C-alpha atoms as a PDB file:
ATOM      1  CA  MET A   1      81.376 100.974 111.768  1.00  0.00           C
ATOM      2  CA  PRO A   2      83.781 101.633 109.794  1.00  0.00           C
ATOM      3  CA  THR A   3      86.326  98.184 108.643  1.00  0.00           C
ATOM      4  CA  ARG A   4      89.715  98.224 108.409  1.00  0.00           C
ATOM      5  CA  ILE A   5      91.300  96.190 105.124  1.00  0.00           C
ATOM      6  CA  GLN A   6      94.595  95.404 104.872  1.00  0.00           C
ATOM      7  CA  LEU A   7      95.761  95.888 101.338  1.00  0.00           C
ATOM      8  CA  PRO A   8      97.872  93.449  99.419  1.00  0.00           C
ATOM      9  CA  PRO A   9     101.402  94.325  98.822  1.00  0.00           C
ATOM     10  CA  GLY A  10     101.863  97.012  96.586  1.00  0.00           C
ATOM     11  CA  CYS A  11      98.276  98.125  96.317  1.00  0.00           C
ATOM     12  CA  ASN A  12      97.855 102.177  97.163  1.00  0.00           C
ATOM     13  CA  GLY A  13      94.192 102.054  97.557  1.00  0.00           C
ATOM     14  CA  LEU A  14      90.704 101.261  96.772  1.00  0.00           C
ATOM     15  CA  ASP A  15      88.204 102.406  94.418  1.00  0.00           C
ATOM     16  CA  ALA A  16      84.436 102.108  94.936  1.00  0.00           C
ATOM     17  CA  ARG A  17      81.948 101.703  92.109  1.00  0.00           C
ATOM     18  CA  ASP A  18      80.091 105.024  93.160  1.00  0.00           C
ATOM     19  CA  GLY A  19      83.610 106.978  92.862  1.00  0.00           C
ATOM     20  CA  THR A  20      84.655 106.794  96.578  1.00  0.00           C
ATOM     21  CA  ARG A  21      88.328 106.414  96.821  1.00  0.00           C
ATOM     22  CA  TYR A  22      90.331 105.095  99.858  1.00  0.00           C
ATOM     23  CA  ASN A  23      94.078 105.672  99.888  1.00  0.00           C
ATOM     24  CA  ALA A  24      96.566 104.097 101.714  1.00  0.00           C
ATOM     25  CA  THR A  25      99.061 106.059 103.307  1.00  0.00           C
ATOM     26  CA  LYS A  26     102.331 103.973 101.945  1.00  0.00           C
ATOM     27  CA  PRO A  27     101.560 100.796  99.455  1.00  0.00           C
ATOM     28  CA  GLY A  28     100.376  97.627 101.050  1.00  0.00           C
ATOM     29  CA  GLY A  29      99.063  99.489 104.036  1.00  0.00           C
ATOM     30  CA  SER A  30      95.533  99.574 104.905  1.00  0.00           C
ATOM     31  CA  VAL A  31      92.247 101.704 104.450  1.00  0.00           C
ATOM     32  CA  VAL A  32      89.462 102.083 106.693  1.00  0.00           C
ATOM     33  CA  VAL A  33      86.175 101.951 104.691  1.00  0.00           C
ATOM     34  CA  GLU A  34      82.714 102.612 105.192  1.00  0.00           C
ATOM     35  CA  ASP A  35      80.076  99.490 105.980  1.00  0.00           C
ATOM     36  CA  ARG A  36      78.528  99.476 102.558  1.00  0.00           C
ATOM     37  CA  HIS A  37      81.655  99.448 100.694  1.00  0.00           C
ATOM     38  CA  ALA A  38      83.239  96.478 103.050  1.00  0.00           C
ATOM     39  CA  ASP A  39      79.834  94.637 102.135  1.00  0.00           C
ATOM     40  CA  GLN A  40      80.492  95.264  98.662  1.00  0.00           C
ATOM     41  CA  LEU A  41      84.225  94.069  98.640  1.00  0.00           C
ATOM     42  CA  THR A  42      82.708  90.841 100.882  1.00  0.00           C
ATOM     43  CA  ARG A  43      80.011  90.211  97.731  1.00  0.00           C
ATOM     44  CA  SER A  44      82.967  90.976  95.197  1.00  0.00           C
ATOM     45  CA  SER A  45      84.052  88.123  92.483  1.00  0.00           C
ATOM     46  CA  ASN A  46      86.958  90.256  91.913  1.00  0.00           C
ATOM     47  CA  SER A  47      90.198  88.027  91.959  1.00  0.00           C
ATOM     48  CA  ASN A  48      91.816  89.236  94.859  1.00  0.00           C
ATOM     49  CA  THR A  49      88.708  89.047  97.292  1.00  0.00           C
ATOM     50  CA  ALA A  50      88.139  85.205  95.715  1.00  0.00           C
ATOM     51  CA  SER A  51      91.618  83.935  96.513  1.00  0.00           C
ATOM     52  CA  GLY A  52      91.017  85.433 100.000  1.00  0.00           C
ATOM     53  CA  LEU A  53      93.958  88.003  99.295  1.00  0.00           C
ATOM     54  CA  LEU A  54      91.693  90.814  99.954  1.00  0.00           C
ATOM     55  CA  SER A  55      89.231  90.779 102.472  1.00  0.00           C
ATOM     56  CA  ALA A  56      86.888  93.181 104.385  1.00  0.00           C
ATOM     57  CA  LYS A  57      86.064  90.978 107.203  1.00  0.00           C
ATOM     58  CA  GLN A  58      89.893  90.288 108.127  1.00  0.00           C
ATOM     59  CA  ALA A  59      90.846  89.862 111.550  1.00  0.00           C
ATOM     60  CA  LEU A  60      91.499  92.911 113.700  1.00  0.00           C
ATOM     61  CA  SER A  61      94.484  94.457 113.910  1.00  0.00           C
ATOM     62  CA  PHE A  62      95.994  96.998 116.678  1.00  0.00           C
ATOM     63  CA  GLY A  63      99.180  98.478 118.314  1.00  0.00           C
ATOM     64  CA  THR A  64     100.494 100.970 120.218  1.00  0.00           C
ATOM     65  CA  ARG A  65     101.798 104.392 120.110  1.00  0.00           C
ATOM     66  CA  ALA A  66     104.856 103.705 121.521  1.00  0.00           C
ATOM     67  CA  GLY A  67     106.752 100.551 120.860  1.00  0.00           C
ATOM     68  CA  ARG A  68     110.004  98.641 122.153  1.00  0.00           C
ATOM     69  CA  TRP A  69     112.970  98.426 119.747  1.00  0.00           C
ATOM     70  CA  CYS A  70     114.808  95.125 119.649  1.00  0.00           C
ATOM     71  CA  THR A  71     118.470  96.477 118.458  1.00  0.00           C
ATOM     72  CA  SER A  72     119.694  92.911 117.132  1.00  0.00           C
ATOM     73  CA  CYS A  73     117.004  92.796 114.790  1.00  0.00           C
ATOM     74  CA  ARG A  74     116.328  96.291 114.395  1.00  0.00           C
ATOM     75  CA  ARG A  75     112.236  95.823 114.647  1.00  0.00           C
ATOM     76  CA  LEU A  76     110.019  98.248 116.271  1.00  0.00           C
ATOM     77  CA  TRP A  77     107.184  95.738 118.552  1.00  0.00           C
ATOM     78  CA  ASN A  78     104.491  96.334 120.417  1.00  0.00           C
ATOM     79  CA  ALA A  79     104.793  97.891 123.786  1.00  0.00           C
ATOM     80  CA  TRP A  80     104.125  94.717 125.848  1.00  0.00           C
ATOM     81  CA  ASN A  81     107.023  93.026 124.269  1.00  0.00           C
ATOM     82  CA  ALA A  82     109.655  93.162 126.893  1.00  0.00           C
ATOM     83  CA  ALA A  83     111.572  90.414 124.787  1.00  0.00           C
ATOM     84  CA  CYS A  84     112.058  90.102 121.524  1.00  0.00           C
ATOM     85  CA  PRO A  85     109.081  87.510 119.403  1.00  0.00           C
ATOM     86  CA  ARG A  86     112.261  86.828 116.890  1.00  0.00           C
ATOM     87  CA  CYS A  87     115.092  86.612 118.710  1.00  0.00           C
ATOM     88  CA  GLY A  88     114.082  86.328 122.031  1.00  0.00           C
ATOM     89  CA  GLY A  89     116.586  89.360 123.438  1.00  0.00           C
ATOM     90  CA  GLN A  90     115.606  92.247 125.834  1.00  0.00           C
ATOM     91  CA  THR A  91     113.594  94.952 123.977  1.00  0.00           C
ATOM     92  CA  GLU A  92     114.111  99.146 124.843  1.00  0.00           C
ATOM     93  CA  ALA A  93     111.478 101.550 125.181  1.00  0.00           C
ATOM     94  CA  GLU A  94     111.224 103.535 121.823  1.00  0.00           C
ATOM     95  CA  ALA A  95     112.046 106.707 123.355  1.00  0.00           C
ATOM     96  CA  THR A  96     115.137 105.603 124.645  1.00  0.00           C
ATOM     97  CA  SER A  97     116.221 103.260 121.743  1.00  0.00           C
ATOM     98  CA  ARG A  98     118.973 104.164 119.509  1.00  0.00           C
ATOM     99  CA  ALA A  99     118.058 102.008 116.856  1.00  0.00           C
END
């Protein structure tokens, strides 16, 4: 089962020892790696993995296709956030929002 890895800020991807390249869609984004590469990363002595900045066993993150906008904070939250977690204001469905 593939593993999603959150990359550190500014990181564009990962290069595996066997030449496999995992590219992020944006710097600091995430990549999905094969299990064999996730295991290699976990066993790596790389300073990023040793410091905990990069881990193949990070918590699972998920989201929804359509979110809800907080117009006050100008931030998109998940579909179940009827109230903004940051300011407490009401959110609007993404399709109807003008943010």
